[in-house]
């Protein structure tokens, strides 16, 4: 197999965001583009969804609330599920 260059034009921000995403997925730009092209050929179309699991607004808010409670010395702390259940029942 002989290699060839592929030149594409894209917005600078799009390229930077894609590079960051691919890095998080363990890929570089060349590998990601080749993955896309080979899979598109095999599937005869746009081949797949590849995405990070990004939490929705409700989940993000719950995570932030949990972090605040964890760092708040006045918030109740429980060392077992039984303690937590008892507190919820009272």
N, C-alpha and C. Protein backbone atom coordinates (compact mmCIF):
# COMPACT_ATOMS: atom_id res chain seq x y z
N UNK A 1 0.85 -1.17 0.00
CA UNK A 1 0.00 0.00 0.00
C UNK A 1 0.90 1.23 0.00
N UNK A 2 0.68 2.11 -0.95
CA UNK A 2 1.45 3.35 -0.98
C UNK A 2 0.63 4.46 -0.35
N UNK A 3 1.31 5.33 0.37
CA UNK A 3 0.64 6.44 1.06
C UNK A 3 0.58 7.65 0.14
N UNK A 4 -0.43 8.45 0.35
CA UNK A 4 -0.56 9.71 -0.39
C UNK A 4 -1.04 10.77 0.59
N UNK A 5 -0.83 12.00 0.25
CA UNK A 5 -1.27 13.10 1.11
C UNK A 5 -2.68 13.52 0.73
N UNK A 6 -3.43 13.94 1.74
CA UNK A 6 -4.78 14.47 1.55
C UNK A 6 -4.79 15.84 2.21
N UNK A 7 -5.04 16.86 1.44
CA UNK A 7 -5.09 18.22 1.97
C UNK A 7 -6.54 18.66 2.06
N UNK A 8 -6.94 19.12 3.23
CA UNK A 8 -8.30 19.63 3.39
C UNK A 8 -8.22 20.99 4.06
N UNK A 9 -9.24 21.79 3.86
CA UNK A 9 -9.32 23.10 4.49
C UNK A 9 -10.48 23.06 5.47
N UNK A 10 -10.21 23.58 6.66
CA UNK A 10 -11.26 23.67 7.67
C UNK A 10 -10.98 24.86 8.56
N UNK A 11 -11.96 25.27 9.28
CA UNK A 11 -11.83 26.37 10.22
C UNK A 11 -10.81 25.99 11.30
N UNK A 12 -9.99 26.94 11.71
CA UNK A 12 -8.96 26.69 12.72
C UNK A 12 -9.56 26.15 14.01
N UNK A 13 -10.67 26.74 14.47
CA UNK A 13 -11.31 26.28 15.71
C UNK A 13 -11.82 24.86 15.59
N UNK A 14 -12.37 24.52 14.42
CA UNK A 14 -12.87 23.16 14.20
C UNK A 14 -11.71 22.17 14.29
N UNK A 15 -10.60 22.51 13.65
CA UNK A 15 -9.42 21.63 13.68
C UNK A 15 -8.93 21.43 15.11
N UNK A 16 -8.81 22.52 15.86
CA UNK A 16 -8.32 22.42 17.24
C UNK A 16 -9.26 21.61 18.12
N UNK A 17 -10.56 21.83 17.96
CA UNK A 17 -11.53 21.07 18.76
C UNK A 17 -11.49 19.59 18.38
N UNK A 18 -11.36 19.30 17.09
CA UNK A 18 -11.28 17.91 16.64
C UNK A 18 -10.02 17.24 17.17
N UNK A 19 -8.90 17.93 17.12
CA UNK A 19 -7.65 17.37 17.64
C UNK A 19 -7.77 17.06 19.13
N UNK A 20 -8.40 17.94 19.88
CA UNK A 20 -8.59 17.73 21.30
C UNK A 20 -9.48 16.50 21.54
N UNK A 21 -10.59 16.42 20.82
CA UNK A 21 -11.49 15.29 20.95
C UNK A 21 -10.79 13.99 20.60
N UNK A 22 -10.10 13.96 19.46
CA UNK A 22 -9.41 12.75 19.04
C UNK A 22 -8.35 12.34 20.05
N UNK A 23 -7.65 13.30 20.62
CA UNK A 23 -6.64 12.99 21.63
C UNK A 23 -7.28 12.32 22.84
N UNK A 24 -8.45 12.81 23.25
CA UNK A 24 -9.16 12.19 24.37
C UNK A 24 -9.59 10.77 24.05
N UNK A 25 -9.83 10.50 22.75
CA UNK A 25 -10.20 9.16 22.31
C UNK A 25 -8.98 8.29 22.00
N UNK A 26 -7.79 8.86 22.18
CA UNK A 26 -6.56 8.11 21.92
C UNK A 26 -6.15 8.08 20.46
N UNK A 27 -6.63 9.03 19.68
CA UNK A 27 -6.34 9.08 18.25
C UNK A 27 -5.66 10.39 17.87
N UNK A 28 -4.90 10.36 16.77
CA UNK A 28 -4.43 11.62 16.20
C UNK A 28 -5.28 11.92 14.97
N UNK A 29 -5.11 13.07 14.37
CA UNK A 29 -5.94 13.49 13.24
C UNK A 29 -5.83 12.50 12.08
N UNK A 30 -4.62 12.08 11.74
CA UNK A 30 -4.43 11.16 10.61
C UNK A 30 -5.16 9.85 10.85
N UNK A 31 -5.01 9.29 12.03
CA UNK A 31 -5.67 8.03 12.34
C UNK A 31 -7.18 8.18 12.32
N UNK A 32 -7.69 9.29 12.86
CA UNK A 32 -9.14 9.51 12.87
C UNK A 32 -9.69 9.65 11.45
N UNK A 33 -9.01 10.39 10.59
CA UNK A 33 -9.47 10.55 9.22
C UNK A 33 -9.42 9.22 8.47
N UNK A 34 -8.32 8.46 8.64
CA UNK A 34 -8.23 7.16 8.00
C UNK A 34 -9.30 6.20 8.50
N UNK A 35 -9.59 6.24 9.79
CA UNK A 35 -10.65 5.42 10.37
C UNK A 35 -11.99 5.76 9.71
N UNK A 36 -12.25 7.04 9.60
CA UNK A 36 -13.49 7.47 8.96
C UNK A 36 -13.56 7.00 7.50
N UNK A 37 -12.50 7.23 6.73
CA UNK A 37 -12.51 6.89 5.31
C UNK A 37 -12.68 5.39 5.07
N UNK A 38 -11.92 4.58 5.80
CA UNK A 38 -12.01 3.13 5.63
C UNK A 38 -13.39 2.59 6.02
N UNK A 39 -13.94 3.13 7.09
CA UNK A 39 -15.25 2.66 7.53
C UNK A 39 -16.34 3.13 6.57
N UNK A 40 -16.20 4.34 6.06
CA UNK A 40 -17.17 4.84 5.07
C UNK A 40 -17.16 3.96 3.83
N UNK A 41 -16.00 3.56 3.38
CA UNK A 41 -15.89 2.67 2.22
C UNK A 41 -16.56 1.33 2.51
N UNK A 42 -16.27 0.76 3.65
CA UNK A 42 -16.84 -0.53 4.03
C UNK A 42 -18.36 -0.48 4.17
N UNK A 43 -18.88 0.62 4.73
CA UNK A 43 -20.32 0.76 4.98
C UNK A 43 -21.08 1.39 3.81
N UNK A 44 -20.35 1.92 2.83
CA UNK A 44 -20.96 2.61 1.70
C UNK A 44 -21.78 3.81 2.15
N UNK A 45 -21.25 4.56 3.12
CA UNK A 45 -21.94 5.76 3.60
C UNK A 45 -21.26 6.30 4.84
N UNK A 46 -21.88 7.32 5.43
CA UNK A 46 -21.36 7.85 6.70
C UNK A 46 -21.53 6.74 7.73
N UNK A 47 -20.42 6.33 8.36
CA UNK A 47 -20.42 5.02 8.98
C UNK A 47 -20.80 4.89 10.46
N UNK A 48 -20.59 5.90 11.27
CA UNK A 48 -20.70 5.64 12.69
C UNK A 48 -20.82 6.90 13.51
N UNK A 49 -21.26 6.73 14.76
CA UNK A 49 -21.20 7.79 15.75
C UNK A 49 -20.03 7.48 16.67
N UNK A 50 -19.18 8.42 16.87
CA UNK A 50 -18.06 8.28 17.79
C UNK A 50 -18.06 9.51 18.67
N UNK A 51 -18.34 9.34 19.95
CA UNK A 51 -18.50 10.49 20.82
C UNK A 51 -18.09 10.17 22.25
N UNK A 52 -17.83 11.19 22.98
CA UNK A 52 -17.56 11.07 24.40
C UNK A 52 -18.89 11.11 25.13
N UNK A 53 -18.96 10.45 26.26
CA UNK A 53 -20.16 10.45 27.07
C UNK A 53 -20.18 11.75 27.87
N UNK A 54 -20.92 12.73 27.38
CA UNK A 54 -20.98 14.05 28.01
C UNK A 54 -22.29 14.14 28.80
N UNK A 55 -22.21 14.42 30.09
CA UNK A 55 -23.43 14.47 30.89
C UNK A 55 -24.31 15.66 30.51
N UNK A 56 -25.64 15.47 30.70
CA UNK A 56 -26.57 16.55 30.41
C UNK A 56 -26.54 17.58 31.55
N UNK A 57 -27.29 18.67 31.39
CA UNK A 57 -27.27 19.76 32.38
C UNK A 57 -27.69 19.30 33.77
N UNK A 58 -28.68 18.43 33.85
CA UNK A 58 -29.16 17.95 35.15
C UNK A 58 -28.07 17.16 35.86
N UNK A 59 -27.37 16.30 35.12
CA UNK A 59 -26.30 15.50 35.70
C UNK A 59 -25.14 16.39 36.14
N UNK A 60 -24.79 17.37 35.31
CA UNK A 60 -23.70 18.29 35.66
C UNK A 60 -24.06 19.04 36.95
N UNK A 61 -25.32 19.50 37.06
CA UNK A 61 -25.75 20.22 38.27
C UNK A 61 -25.68 19.31 39.48
N UNK A 62 -26.07 18.04 39.34
CA UNK A 62 -26.02 17.10 40.46
C UNK A 62 -24.57 16.84 40.88
N UNK A 63 -23.69 16.72 39.93
CA UNK A 63 -22.27 16.51 40.25
C UNK A 63 -21.72 17.71 41.01
N UNK A 64 -22.03 18.91 40.52
CA UNK A 64 -21.56 20.13 41.20
C UNK A 64 -22.12 20.23 42.61
N UNK A 65 -23.40 19.90 42.78
CA UNK A 65 -24.01 19.93 44.11
C UNK A 65 -23.33 18.93 45.03
N UNK A 66 -23.03 17.75 44.51
CA UNK A 66 -22.34 16.74 45.30
C UNK A 66 -20.96 17.19 45.74
N UNK A 67 -20.23 17.85 44.83
CA UNK A 67 -18.90 18.37 45.18
C UNK A 67 -19.00 19.43 46.28
N UNK A 68 -20.00 20.31 46.17
CA UNK A 68 -20.18 21.35 47.19
C UNK A 68 -20.49 20.72 48.55
N UNK A 69 -21.38 19.73 48.55
CA UNK A 69 -21.74 19.07 49.80
C UNK A 69 -20.54 18.35 50.41
N UNK A 70 -19.74 17.73 49.55
CA UNK A 70 -18.56 17.01 50.03
C UNK A 70 -17.57 17.94 50.71
N UNK A 71 -17.44 19.16 50.18
CA UNK A 71 -16.48 20.12 50.72
C UNK A 71 -17.07 21.02 51.80
N UNK A 72 -18.35 20.90 52.08
CA UNK A 72 -19.01 21.71 53.09
C UNK A 72 -18.95 20.98 54.44
N UNK A 73 -18.17 21.53 55.40
CA UNK A 73 -18.04 20.84 56.67
C UNK A 73 -19.35 20.74 57.46
N UNK A 74 -20.33 21.59 57.13
CA UNK A 74 -21.60 21.55 57.87
C UNK A 74 -22.59 20.55 57.27
N UNK A 75 -22.30 20.00 56.10
CA UNK A 75 -23.23 19.04 55.50
C UNK A 75 -23.07 17.68 56.19
N UNK A 76 -24.18 16.94 56.35
CA UNK A 76 -24.10 15.65 57.03
C UNK A 76 -23.28 14.65 56.23
N UNK A 77 -22.56 13.80 56.95
CA UNK A 77 -21.75 12.75 56.33
C UNK A 77 -22.21 11.41 56.92
N UNK A 78 -22.19 10.38 56.10
CA UNK A 78 -22.62 9.05 56.53
C UNK A 78 -21.53 8.05 56.19
N UNK A 79 -21.29 7.12 57.10
CA UNK A 79 -20.24 6.13 56.87
C UNK A 79 -20.80 4.79 56.42
N UNK A 80 -22.13 4.69 56.32
CA UNK A 80 -22.72 3.44 55.83
C UNK A 80 -24.08 3.74 55.19
N UNK A 81 -24.54 2.81 54.41
CA UNK A 81 -25.85 2.95 53.79
C UNK A 81 -26.95 2.94 54.85
N UNK A 82 -26.72 2.17 55.91
CA UNK A 82 -27.72 2.10 56.98
C UNK A 82 -27.91 3.48 57.63
N UNK A 83 -26.81 4.18 57.87
CA UNK A 83 -26.89 5.53 58.43
C UNK A 83 -27.66 6.48 57.49
N UNK A 84 -27.35 6.39 56.22
CA UNK A 84 -28.01 7.24 55.24
C UNK A 84 -29.51 6.92 55.19
N UNK A 85 -29.87 5.64 55.16
CA UNK A 85 -31.27 5.25 55.12
C UNK A 85 -32.01 5.75 56.36
N UNK A 86 -31.36 5.62 57.52
CA UNK A 86 -31.99 6.06 58.76
C UNK A 86 -32.23 7.57 58.72
N UNK A 87 -31.27 8.34 58.18
CA UNK A 87 -31.43 9.79 58.08
C UNK A 87 -32.55 10.15 57.11
N UNK A 88 -32.68 9.42 56.05
CA UNK A 88 -33.73 9.69 55.07
C UNK A 88 -35.12 9.35 55.61
N UNK A 89 -35.21 8.37 56.49
CA UNK A 89 -36.48 7.95 57.05
C UNK A 89 -36.95 8.87 58.18
N UNK A 90 -36.04 9.62 58.77
CA UNK A 90 -36.45 10.46 59.89
C UNK A 90 -36.95 11.81 59.46
